[in-house]
Amino acid sequence: MSISSLRSSFWLKVAIGLPLVAAADALFFMHRPGATLGFFALVWLAAAALFRKGWVRDRRGLAAAGAAAALAMVMIDRPGLLAWVLFGLALTIAVQSVRVRDGEEAWRWAQRLVVYAVVAVAGPWIDLFRLNRNSRKRGRTLKLSGAVRLLLLPVVGGAVFLGLFASANPLIGELLSRLRLPPLTGDTVARATFWLATLIAIWGVLRPRWRRRLIALPSLQGRAVPGGAAASVTLSLVVFNLLFAVQNGLDLAFLWSGAPLPEGVSLAEYAHRGAYPLIVTALLAGLFVLVFLRPGSETATRPLVRGLVMLWVGQNLLLVASSLLRTADYIEVYSLTRFRIAAMIWMVLVGVGLALICWRLLTNKSADWLINANVVAALLVLTIVSAVDLGAVAASWNVRHAREIDGQGAQLDLCYLDSLNGAALVSLVELEQRAADPVLKDRVAAVRARQMATMQAHQADWRAWRWRDARRLERVARLAASQPLTTPVPGRRDCDGWIMPAAVAVPTIAPAPVAPPLTSEAGA
């Protein structure tokens, strides 16, 4: 068999796919994923490379495969759902890149990925059907009657002799008594579902599907947009600029300059109420520019309109910067969380999108260029976020700026630090060593001890071992060598380290015995 036919062999894919499914079951089913997730991703990538020809000659395939390998290394250090999804995306692009023309737009790639995901669900059964059809065409189909005649004697005869041996030999009988089908329980159904989902994902990479006919990006070129006359757009831009000038002026007065707010309005309330609605405002502004000021349209060619658009986009960028400052001011009062970090990253992406819209208008770029640029920016940010532990960033900031440490800022939320699942361990140790209040030191030590014990238990399981957690424990060991850690007071603790009061047993009072009623003789 030639190398080409070997790679296209259906049964060779079965021989490689099923061990991968079994390995995934042994490593991940009902187990906490650790560095094994990254190693499994590397093996999966290597298995896909055996069947997808042309990766070496295709720069996009090489780039996507390199990105998949880098994400696999990230998962060895810090396994996570985002890194796994990005790895799957890069691997899918790599296996499909050979048959996709150069310069394919992100819009068409998105359609290919959706079709790939949908068709992959039926992929194994489609291949079995095709294999059976090809076998019939070549006259190699094994008829059912012939198969029955072939297997009847060995199966029945073997069963009879096995039954006799089982009755004669207790060892064989005991072994057969242990061989039984697993009971249909929730665990069995969950494992079967896991196997099926894993098989579909792996088979889809080994046998990818393509779609030639795709939907073109909707174009408004040459079409009149309702309300899109040049005079109406110009008047709208004047009104919008005036309204945005009022909002930005208030932000400059109260947020940027530090002027006192009116009585009854706190800075935290002012910051929190405006952070997210103003981002929606910026998104609507970007949509307005996309629809009514398309490159080449009548409105986009007018100097006055272009000047008003530039002014308005600039005001939107100031609005996004003010939203970032609002969020930062809110964090100063209510501490930092992973969600607030993600919100600030989203705000930066909105600002980048507005700048790209403005650049598209100035340089007459196509809509495909705009989509591609935004997709690249979003994927780059998501890749960075998958490698950076936002929980550790939030914990480090909260510990450094806690009111219990510097007398200012937000009150320390130990319950939130406890919910970060070990990401706050190093920060808790540093806080424990810096805390002067013995009560706070004891609370922090209790939370730290619980987090440390959980992490050490996970690290003891080779399936759940993580390189980043190993480095955290090494960092804690170095800190403890310079200053011994505190032993918390024994007792059950709440999430914030406070000792939970012991349950008070309520004594049960037995009912008093009831005297028997007096009889007539007793009365006498």
Protein backbone atom coordinates (compact mmCIF):
# COMPACT_ATOMS: atom_id res chain seq x y z
CA MET A 1 0.00 0.00 0.00
CA SER A 2 1.34 3.43 -0.99
CA ILE A 3 1.78 6.26 1.48
CA SER A 4 -1.09 8.17 -0.14
CA SER A 5 -3.54 5.30 0.12
CA LEU A 6 -2.31 4.54 3.63
CA ARG A 7 -3.20 8.05 4.75
CA SER A 8 -6.62 7.90 3.16
CA SER A 9 -7.41 4.50 4.64
CA PHE A 10 -10.64 4.46 6.59
CA TRP A 11 -9.55 1.69 8.89
CA LEU A 12 -6.25 3.34 9.70
CA LYS A 13 -8.21 6.34 10.92
CA VAL A 14 -10.28 4.00 13.04
CA ALA A 15 -7.09 2.43 14.44
CA ILE A 16 -5.80 5.88 15.45
CA GLY A 17 -9.09 7.49 16.43
CA LEU A 18 -10.31 4.84 18.87
CA PRO A 19 -7.10 4.83 20.98
CA LEU A 20 -7.38 8.61 21.21
CA VAL A 21 -10.95 8.26 22.47
CA ALA A 22 -9.86 5.63 25.00
CA ALA A 23 -7.00 7.88 26.14
CA ALA A 24 -9.40 10.79 26.58
CA ASP A 25 -11.67 8.58 28.68
CA ALA A 26 -8.80 7.46 30.91
CA LEU A 27 -7.43 10.98 31.32
CA PHE A 28 -10.47 13.24 31.55
CA PHE A 29 -13.71 11.40 32.29
CA MET A 30 -14.71 12.28 35.86
CA HIS A 31 -11.23 13.72 36.43
CA ARG A 32 -10.02 17.29 36.83
CA PRO A 33 -8.04 18.16 33.69
CA GLY A 34 -4.40 19.01 34.27
CA ALA A 35 -1.29 19.22 32.12
CA THR A 36 -2.46 16.00 30.47
CA LEU A 37 -4.93 18.12 28.48
CA GLY A 38 -2.03 19.87 26.75
CA PHE A 39 -0.17 16.62 26.07
CA PHE A 40 -3.35 15.06 24.67
CA ALA A 41 -3.76 18.09 22.40
CA LEU A 42 -0.22 17.62 21.08
CA VAL A 43 -0.86 13.93 20.34
CA TRP A 44 -4.13 14.83 18.59
CA LEU A 45 -2.31 17.44 16.50
CA ALA A 46 0.35 14.88 15.54
CA ALA A 47 -2.33 12.33 14.58
CA ALA A 48 -4.06 14.90 12.37
CA ALA A 49 -0.75 15.68 10.65
CA LEU A 50 -0.54 12.05 9.47
CA PHE A 51 -3.64 12.47 7.31
CA ARG A 52 -3.68 16.10 6.19
CA LYS A 53 -1.20 16.40 3.34
CA GLY A 54 0.24 19.75 2.35
CA TRP A 55 0.82 21.39 5.74
CA VAL A 56 4.50 21.88 4.99
CA ARG A 57 3.75 23.59 1.68
CA ASP A 58 0.81 25.69 2.95
CA ARG A 59 1.80 28.68 5.05
CA ARG A 60 -1.69 29.04 6.54
CA GLY A 61 -1.72 25.39 7.58
CA LEU A 62 1.70 25.75 9.15
CA ALA A 63 0.66 28.94 10.95
CA ALA A 64 -2.56 27.37 12.26
CA ALA A 65 -0.72 24.21 13.33
CA GLY A 66 1.90 26.35 15.08
CA ALA A 67 -0.84 28.26 16.88
CA ALA A 68 -2.45 24.96 17.92
CA ALA A 69 0.88 23.70 19.26
CA ALA A 70 1.41 26.94 21.20
CA LEU A 71 -2.08 26.66 22.72
CA ALA A 72 -1.32 23.07 23.67
CA MET A 73 1.75 24.31 25.54
CA VAL A 74 -0.44 26.89 27.26
CA MET A 75 -2.73 24.07 28.42
CA ILE A 76 0.24 22.16 29.80
CA ASP A 77 0.91 25.19 31.97
CA ARG A 78 -2.68 26.24 32.62
CA PRO A 79 -5.50 24.12 31.16
CA GLY A 80 -8.71 26.02 30.57
CA LEU A 81 -11.85 26.06 28.46
CA LEU A 82 -10.85 29.14 26.46
CA ALA A 83 -7.46 27.69 25.50
CA TRP A 84 -9.12 24.40 24.54
CA VAL A 85 -11.69 26.14 22.30
CA LEU A 86 -8.96 28.20 20.62
CA PHE A 87 -6.90 25.04 20.11
CA GLY A 88 -9.85 23.35 18.42
CA LEU A 89 -10.36 26.39 16.21
CA ALA A 90 -6.68 26.47 15.16
CA LEU A 91 -6.63 22.72 14.52
CA THR A 92 -9.77 22.92 12.37
CA ILE A 93 -8.34 25.78 10.31
CA ALA A 94 -5.12 23.80 9.84
CA VAL A 95 -6.83 20.69 8.46
CA GLN A 96 -9.08 22.73 6.15
CA SER A 97 -6.50 25.22 4.90
CA VAL A 98 -5.16 22.89 2.19
CA ARG A 99 -8.42 23.06 0.21
CA VAL A 100 -9.22 26.72 0.87
CA ARG A 101 -7.95 29.35 -1.51
CA ASP A 102 -5.56 32.06 -0.41
CA GLY A 103 -7.06 35.29 0.87
CA GLU A 104 -10.22 33.66 2.22
CA GLU A 105 -12.21 36.18 4.25
CA ALA A 106 -13.18 35.65 7.87
CA TRP A 107 -16.87 35.68 6.86
CA ARG A 108 -16.38 32.65 4.58
CA TRP A 109 -14.15 30.92 7.13
CA ALA A 110 -16.93 31.31 9.71
CA GLN A 111 -19.35 29.53 7.37
CA ARG A 112 -16.87 26.73 6.78
CA LEU A 113 -16.40 26.24 10.51
CA VAL A 114 -20.15 26.13 11.14
CA VAL A 115 -20.66 23.58 8.35
CA TYR A 116 -17.70 21.59 9.66
CA ALA A 117 -19.18 21.45 13.18
CA VAL A 118 -22.64 20.45 11.97
CA VAL A 119 -21.54 17.79 9.47
CA ALA A 120 -18.96 16.36 11.89
CA VAL A 121 -21.81 15.07 14.07
CA ALA A 122 -22.82 12.64 11.31
CA GLY A 123 -19.28 12.16 9.98
CA PRO A 124 -18.56 8.61 11.25
CA TRP A 125 -21.90 7.29 9.97
CA ILE A 126 -21.45 9.01 6.58
CA ASP A 127 -18.07 7.31 6.20
CA LEU A 128 -19.51 3.92 7.16
CA PHE A 129 -22.27 4.33 4.59
CA ARG A 130 -19.77 5.28 1.89
CA LEU A 131 -17.51 2.38 2.80
CA ASN A 132 -20.40 -0.07 2.53
CA ARG A 133 -21.53 1.42 -0.80
CA ASN A 134 -18.02 1.17 -2.27
CA SER A 135 -17.74 -2.43 -1.09
CA ARG A 136 -21.01 -3.31 -2.84
CA LYS A 137 -19.79 -1.73 -6.07
CA ARG A 138 -16.64 -3.87 -5.95
CA GLY A 139 -18.59 -7.03 -5.15
CA ARG A 140 -17.03 -7.40 -1.71
CA THR A 141 -20.22 -7.25 0.31
CA LEU A 142 -20.55 -10.08 2.80
CA LYS A 143 -24.12 -11.40 2.60
CA LEU A 144 -25.96 -11.91 5.87
CA SER A 145 -26.93 -15.52 5.13
CA GLY A 146 -23.35 -16.40 4.29
CA ALA A 147 -22.10 -14.74 7.46
CA VAL A 148 -24.60 -16.69 9.56
CA ARG A 149 -23.56 -19.99 7.99
CA LEU A 150 -19.92 -19.07 8.51
CA LEU A 151 -20.25 -18.18 12.19
CA LEU A 152 -22.97 -20.59 13.30
CA LEU A 153 -20.83 -23.64 14.01
CA PRO A 154 -17.86 -21.92 15.73
CA VAL A 155 -20.08 -19.73 17.89
CA VAL A 156 -22.53 -22.41 18.99
CA GLY A 157 -19.86 -25.09 19.40
CA GLY A 158 -17.58 -22.76 21.30
CA ALA A 159 -20.41 -21.74 23.62
CA VAL A 160 -21.26 -25.39 24.39
CA PHE A 161 -17.69 -26.34 25.19
CA LEU A 162 -17.16 -23.16 27.23
CA GLY A 163 -20.25 -24.00 29.30
CA LEU A 164 -18.98 -27.52 29.96
CA PHE A 165 -15.57 -26.23 30.97
CA ALA A 166 -17.19 -23.69 33.29
CA SER A 167 -19.14 -26.42 35.08
CA ALA A 168 -16.05 -28.62 35.33
CA ASN A 169 -13.52 -25.93 36.33
CA PRO A 170 -14.45 -23.52 39.17
CA LEU A 171 -11.83 -21.01 38.05
CA ILE A 172 -13.39 -20.67 34.59
CA GLY A 173 -16.87 -20.61 36.11
CA GLU A 174 -15.97 -17.82 38.50
CA LEU A 175 -14.35 -15.84 35.67
CA LEU A 176 -17.46 -16.16 33.50
CA SER A 177 -19.69 -15.15 36.40
CA ARG A 178 -17.78 -11.87 36.60
CA LEU A 179 -18.21 -11.13 32.90
CA ARG A 180 -21.44 -9.24 32.57
CA LEU A 181 -22.64 -6.13 30.84
CA PRO A 182 -22.33 -2.94 32.90
CA PRO A 183 -25.61 -1.79 34.45
CA LEU A 184 -27.41 1.07 32.74
CA THR A 185 -26.69 3.81 35.29
CA GLY A 186 -26.15 7.52 35.03
CA ASP A 187 -22.40 6.98 35.02
CA THR A 188 -22.68 4.53 32.11
CA VAL A 189 -24.81 6.93 30.09
CA ALA A 190 -22.42 9.79 30.83
CA ARG A 191 -19.42 7.72 29.75
CA ALA A 192 -21.15 6.64 26.53
CA THR A 193 -22.01 10.27 25.79
CA PHE A 194 -18.42 11.30 26.48
CA TRP A 195 -17.10 8.61 24.13
CA LEU A 196 -19.51 9.61 21.38
CA ALA A 197 -18.70 13.33 21.65
CA THR A 198 -14.96 12.65 21.71
CA LEU A 199 -15.21 10.30 18.73
CA ILE A 200 -17.11 12.93 16.72
CA ALA A 201 -14.53 15.62 17.53
CA ILE A 202 -11.53 13.42 16.70
CA TRP A 203 -13.12 11.93 13.59
CA GLY A 204 -14.00 15.39 12.32
CA VAL A 205 -10.31 16.33 12.37
CA LEU A 206 -9.18 13.08 10.77
CA ARG A 207 -11.95 13.24 8.13
CA PRO A 208 -12.82 16.96 7.68
CA ARG A 209 -15.62 18.11 5.41
CA TRP A 210 -15.61 21.10 3.09
CA ARG A 211 -18.29 23.24 1.54
CA ARG A 212 -17.77 24.90 -1.84
CA ARG A 213 -20.88 27.05 -2.05
CA LEU A 214 -20.88 29.75 0.59
CA ILE A 215 -23.05 32.77 1.28
CA ALA A 216 -21.52 36.05 0.20
CA LEU A 217 -21.28 38.92 2.65
CA PRO A 218 -24.42 41.07 2.36
CA SER A 219 -23.62 44.31 0.53
CA LEU A 220 -25.48 47.59 0.60
CA GLN A 221 -23.47 48.96 -2.30
CA GLY A 222 -25.75 50.82 -4.69
CA ARG A 223 -28.80 50.42 -2.42
CA ALA A 224 -30.62 53.31 -0.84
CA VAL A 225 -30.81 53.07 2.93
CA PRO A 226 -34.06 54.45 4.42
CA GLY A 227 -33.31 57.82 6.00
CA GLY A 228 -29.82 57.79 4.52
CA ALA A 229 -30.00 60.96 2.48
CA ALA A 230 -26.93 63.18 2.69
CA ALA A 231 -28.81 66.03 4.36
CA SER A 232 -30.35 63.68 6.96
CA VAL A 233 -26.99 62.07 7.76
CA THR A 234 -25.29 65.46 8.07
CA LEU A 235 -27.99 66.77 10.42
CA SER A 236 -27.80 63.55 12.45
CA LEU A 237 -24.04 63.90 12.85
CA VAL A 238 -24.42 67.48 14.05
CA VAL A 239 -27.01 66.42 16.65
CA PHE A 240 -24.96 63.42 17.74
CA ASN A 241 -21.80 65.47 18.13
CA LEU A 242 -23.61 67.99 20.31
CA LEU A 243 -25.09 65.29 22.54
CA PHE A 244 -21.77 63.50 22.86
CA ALA A 245 -20.08 66.81 23.66
CA VAL A 246 -22.42 67.26 26.64
CA GLN A 247 -21.70 63.77 27.98
CA ASN A 248 -17.96 64.05 27.41
CA GLY A 249 -17.93 67.49 29.01
CA LEU A 250 -19.52 66.10 32.17
CA ASP A 251 -17.03 63.23 32.23
CA LEU A 252 -14.14 65.65 31.83
CA ALA A 253 -15.49 67.78 34.66
CA PHE A 254 -16.21 65.04 37.20
CA LEU A 255 -14.17 61.99 36.20
CA TRP A 256 -10.98 63.40 34.71
CA SER A 257 -10.56 66.63 36.67
CA GLY A 258 -11.78 65.32 40.03
CA ALA A 259 -14.40 68.06 40.59
CA PRO A 260 -16.86 67.32 43.42
CA LEU A 261 -20.11 65.70 42.32
CA PRO A 262 -23.53 67.12 43.24
CA GLU A 263 -24.82 66.28 46.69
CA GLY A 264 -26.27 62.80 46.96
CA VAL A 265 -24.27 61.35 44.04
CA SER A 266 -21.20 59.30 44.90
CA LEU A 267 -18.30 58.72 42.56
CA ALA A 268 -18.89 54.97 42.66
CA GLU A 269 -22.54 55.39 41.66
CA TYR A 270 -21.61 57.84 38.90
CA ALA A 271 -18.97 55.46 37.59
CA HIS A 272 -21.02 52.26 37.80
CA ARG A 273 -24.18 53.59 36.14
CA GLY A 274 -22.35 54.86 33.09
CA ALA A 275 -19.68 52.25 32.36
CA TYR A 276 -21.70 49.75 30.35
CA PRO A 277 -24.48 51.91 28.79
CA LEU A 278 -21.82 54.17 27.27
CA ILE A 279 -20.18 51.18 25.61
CA VAL A 280 -23.54 50.32 24.05
CA THR A 281 -23.68 53.93 22.84
CA ALA A 282 -20.27 53.54 21.20
CA LEU A 283 -21.38 50.30 19.51
CA LEU A 284 -24.47 52.00 18.12
CA ALA A 285 -22.29 54.81 16.82
CA GLY A 286 -20.09 52.30 15.02
CA LEU A 287 -23.16 50.64 13.49
CA PHE A 288 -24.39 54.03 12.27
CA VAL A 289 -21.10 54.72 10.52
CA LEU A 290 -21.08 51.24 8.94
CA VAL A 291 -24.58 51.57 7.52
CA PHE A 292 -24.81 55.21 6.47
CA LEU A 293 -21.21 56.01 5.59
CA ARG A 294 -20.07 53.12 3.44
CA PRO A 295 -16.88 53.72 1.43
CA GLY A 296 -17.83 55.03 -1.99
CA SER A 297 -21.30 56.20 -0.95
CA GLU A 298 -22.51 59.76 -1.54
CA THR A 299 -22.38 60.68 2.15
CA ALA A 300 -18.85 59.29 2.64
CA THR A 301 -17.42 61.44 -0.16
CA ARG A 302 -18.58 64.77 1.25
CA PRO A 303 -15.83 66.66 3.15
CA LEU A 304 -18.25 68.07 5.74
CA VAL A 305 -19.69 64.66 6.51
CA ARG A 306 -16.24 63.08 6.76
CA GLY A 307 -15.13 65.81 9.14
CA LEU A 308 -18.20 65.32 11.33
CA VAL A 309 -17.61 61.57 11.34
CA MET A 310 -14.00 62.02 12.41
CA LEU A 311 -15.11 64.32 15.23
CA TRP A 312 -17.81 61.89 16.29
CA VAL A 313 -15.50 58.86 16.28
CA GLY A 314 -13.03 60.88 18.34
CA GLN A 315 -15.77 61.65 20.85
CA ASN A 316 -16.69 57.97 20.94
CA LEU A 317 -13.09 57.06 21.72
CA LEU A 318 -13.14 59.59 24.55
CA LEU A 319 -16.38 57.99 25.71
CA VAL A 320 -14.70 54.57 25.77
CA ALA A 321 -11.76 56.02 27.72
CA SER A 322 -14.22 57.53 30.19
CA SER A 323 -15.92 54.14 30.56
CA LEU A 324 -12.54 52.62 31.38
CA LEU A 325 -11.94 55.33 33.96
CA ARG A 326 -15.41 54.79 35.41
CA THR A 327 -14.66 51.09 35.82
CA ALA A 328 -11.29 51.88 37.40
CA ASP A 329 -12.95 54.26 39.88
CA TYR A 330 -15.54 51.62 40.69
CA ILE A 331 -12.78 49.08 41.28
CA GLU A 332 -11.12 51.46 43.74
CA VAL A 333 -14.26 51.24 45.88
CA TYR A 334 -15.46 47.68 45.28
CA SER A 335 -12.22 45.76 44.43
CA LEU A 336 -11.15 43.98 41.25
CA THR A 337 -12.71 40.82 39.81
CA ARG A 338 -12.14 38.70 36.75
CA PHE A 339 -15.40 39.94 35.26
CA ARG A 340 -14.32 43.58 35.63
CA ILE A 341 -10.97 42.83 33.99
CA ALA A 342 -12.84 41.16 31.12
CA ALA A 343 -15.16 44.18 30.88
CA MET A 344 -12.20 46.54 30.57
CA ILE A 345 -10.65 44.33 27.89
CA TRP A 346 -13.97 44.41 26.03
CA MET A 347 -13.99 48.21 26.23
CA VAL A 348 -10.51 48.34 24.71
CA LEU A 349 -11.71 46.06 21.89
CA VAL A 350 -14.65 48.39 21.27
CA GLY A 351 -12.23 51.30 21.00
CA VAL A 352 -10.08 49.33 18.56
CA GLY A 353 -13.16 48.52 16.49
CA LEU A 354 -14.13 52.20 16.32
CA ALA A 355 -10.63 53.13 15.22
CA LEU A 356 -10.75 50.45 12.51
CA ILE A 357 -14.11 51.77 11.28
CA CYS A 358 -12.64 55.24 11.03
CA TRP A 359 -9.57 53.94 9.17
CA ARG A 360 -11.79 52.00 6.79
CA LEU A 361 -13.70 55.17 5.94
CA LEU A 362 -10.53 57.17 5.37
CA THR A 363 -8.86 54.55 3.18
CA ASN A 364 -11.95 53.13 1.41
CA LYS A 365 -11.34 49.60 2.69
CA SER A 366 -13.88 46.84 2.06
CA ALA A 367 -16.25 45.32 4.58
CA ASP A 368 -14.26 42.07 4.41
CA TRP A 369 -11.15 43.94 5.48
CA LEU A 370 -12.99 45.39 8.48
CA ILE A 371 -14.31 42.00 9.57
CA ASN A 372 -10.90 40.37 9.15
CA ALA A 373 -9.18 43.08 11.17
CA ASN A 374 -11.69 42.82 14.03
CA VAL A 375 -11.49 39.02 14.07
CA VAL A 376 -7.69 39.11 14.21
CA ALA A 377 -7.78 41.63 17.07
CA ALA A 378 -10.33 39.57 19.00
CA LEU A 379 -8.44 36.28 18.52
CA LEU A 380 -5.17 37.90 19.57
CA VAL A 381 -6.74 39.23 22.76
CA LEU A 382 -8.44 35.90 23.54
CA THR A 383 -5.16 34.03 23.07
CA ILE A 384 -3.42 36.34 25.51
CA VAL A 385 -6.27 35.99 28.02
CA SER A 386 -6.11 32.18 27.76
CA ALA A 387 -2.47 32.28 28.88
CA VAL A 388 -2.87 34.91 31.62
CA ASP A 389 -4.61 33.97 34.87
CA LEU A 390 -7.04 36.86 35.42
CA GLY A 391 -7.89 35.48 38.85
CA ALA A 392 -4.29 35.79 39.99
CA VAL A 393 -4.15 39.35 38.61
CA ALA A 394 -7.31 40.29 40.51
CA ALA A 395 -6.09 38.67 43.74
CA SER A 396 -2.72 40.41 43.58
CA TRP A 397 -4.33 43.81 43.00
CA ASN A 398 -6.91 43.35 45.78
CA VAL A 399 -4.27 42.32 48.31
CA ARG A 400 -2.01 45.27 47.50
CA HIS A 401 -4.85 47.80 47.65
CA ALA A 402 -6.91 46.34 50.50
CA ARG A 403 -8.19 48.76 53.10
CA GLU A 404 -6.85 46.47 55.81
CA ILE A 405 -3.32 47.03 54.45
CA ASP A 406 -3.04 50.68 53.40
CA GLY A 407 -6.12 52.13 55.12
CA GLN A 408 -7.72 53.06 51.80
CA GLY A 409 -9.41 51.34 48.90
CA ALA A 410 -11.90 48.50 49.06
CA GLN A 411 -12.44 46.20 51.99
CA LEU A 412 -10.76 42.84 51.45
CA ASP A 413 -13.18 40.18 50.19
CA LEU A 414 -11.70 36.89 51.36
CA CYS A 415 -14.71 34.98 50.07
CA TYR A 416 -13.90 36.09 46.53
CA LEU A 417 -10.24 35.16 46.97
CA ASP A 418 -11.35 31.77 48.26
CA SER A 419 -13.54 31.27 45.16
CA LEU A 420 -10.57 31.66 42.77
CA ASN A 421 -9.60 27.99 43.23
CA GLY A 422 -5.93 28.45 44.04
CA ALA A 423 -5.23 31.44 41.80
CA ALA A 424 -5.00 33.61 44.91
CA LEU A 425 -2.70 31.29 46.91
CA VAL A 426 0.52 33.30 46.51
CA SER A 427 -1.31 36.57 47.20
CA LEU A 428 -2.87 35.07 50.34
CA VAL A 429 0.56 34.00 51.61
CA GLU A 430 1.96 37.48 51.00
CA LEU A 431 -1.04 39.03 52.78
CA GLU A 432 -0.66 36.61 55.68
CA GLN A 433 2.97 37.61 56.14
CA ARG A 434 2.22 41.34 55.93
CA ALA A 435 -0.91 41.49 58.09
CA ALA A 436 -0.36 43.13 61.48
CA ASP A 437 -3.82 42.42 62.89
CA PRO A 438 -3.73 38.94 64.52
CA VAL A 439 -7.43 38.34 63.76
CA LEU A 440 -6.95 39.15 60.08
CA LYS A 441 -3.77 37.05 60.00
CA ASP A 442 -5.66 34.08 61.43
CA ARG A 443 -8.54 34.46 58.93
CA VAL A 444 -6.17 34.73 55.99
CA ALA A 445 -4.17 31.74 57.25
CA ALA A 446 -7.33 29.66 57.43
CA VAL A 447 -8.32 30.51 53.84
CA ARG A 448 -4.73 29.99 52.64
CA ALA A 449 -4.45 26.61 54.38
CA ARG A 450 -7.67 25.41 52.77
CA GLN A 451 -6.57 26.55 49.32
CA MET A 452 -3.10 25.06 49.77
CA ALA A 453 -4.44 21.69 50.92
CA THR A 454 -6.78 21.51 47.92
CA MET A 455 -3.99 22.38 45.49
CA GLN A 456 -1.61 19.83 47.01
CA ALA A 457 -4.30 17.15 46.74
CA HIS A 458 -4.83 17.96 43.07
CA GLN A 459 -1.11 17.96 42.39
CA ALA A 460 -0.81 14.49 43.94
CA ASP A 461 -3.06 13.12 41.15
CA TRP A 462 -0.97 12.79 37.97
CA ARG A 463 -4.05 13.44 35.81
CA ALA A 464 -4.76 16.77 37.50
CA TRP A 465 -1.13 17.94 37.87
CA ARG A 466 -0.58 21.47 36.54
CA TRP A 467 2.72 23.16 35.89
CA ARG A 468 1.49 26.58 37.01
CA ASP A 469 0.20 25.19 40.30
CA ALA A 470 3.56 23.49 40.84
CA ARG A 471 5.29 26.85 40.40
CA ARG A 472 2.84 28.42 42.84
CA LEU A 473 3.62 25.83 45.49
CA GLU A 474 7.34 26.39 44.93
CA ARG A 475 6.80 30.14 45.36
CA VAL A 476 4.91 29.51 48.60
CA ALA A 477 7.73 27.28 49.85
CA ARG A 478 10.28 30.05 49.19
CA LEU A 479 8.11 32.62 51.00
CA ALA A 480 7.62 30.25 53.95
CA ALA A 481 11.38 29.66 54.15
CA SER A 482 11.97 33.36 54.80
CA GLN A 483 9.00 33.73 57.15
CA PRO A 484 7.13 30.73 58.58
CA LEU A 485 3.42 30.52 57.86
CA THR A 486 0.82 30.85 60.57
CA THR A 487 -1.09 27.87 61.91
CA PRO A 488 -4.76 28.88 62.05
CA VAL A 489 -6.83 28.31 65.15
CA PRO A 490 -8.67 24.96 64.85
CA GLY A 491 -12.35 25.12 63.96
CA ARG A 492 -14.74 25.15 61.05
CA ARG A 493 -14.31 28.23 58.91
CA ASP A 494 -16.55 30.23 56.63
CA CYS A 495 -15.38 31.29 53.18
CA ASP A 496 -13.99 34.54 54.64
CA GLY A 497 -12.02 32.76 57.36
CA TRP A 498 -14.31 33.48 60.30
CA ILE A 499 -14.80 30.59 62.73
CA MET A 500 -18.31 29.21 62.37
CA PRO A 501 -20.16 28.89 65.67
CA ALA A 502 -20.70 25.34 66.80
CA ALA A 503 -24.25 24.09 66.61
CA VAL A 504 -25.87 24.25 70.03
CA ALA A 505 -27.69 21.05 70.90
CA VAL A 506 -31.19 21.81 72.13
CA PRO A 507 -32.03 19.48 75.05
CA THR A 508 -35.23 17.52 74.63
CA ILE A 509 -37.53 17.62 77.63
CA ALA A 510 -39.40 14.41 78.26
CA PRO A 511 -43.13 14.91 78.98
CA ALA A 512 -44.13 14.62 82.58
CA PRO A 513 -45.90 11.39 83.50
CA VAL A 514 -49.67 11.73 83.68
CA ALA A 515 -51.26 10.46 86.89
CA PRO A 516 -54.03 7.92 86.41
CA PRO A 517 -57.55 9.21 87.01
CA LEU A 518 -58.97 8.71 90.48
CA THR A 519 -61.47 5.87 90.75
CA SER A 520 -64.41 5.83 93.11
CA GLU A 521 -62.56 3.48 95.41
CA ALA A 522 -59.52 5.75 95.44
CA GLY A 523 -61.72 8.71 96.16
CA ALA A 524 -63.26 6.83 99.02
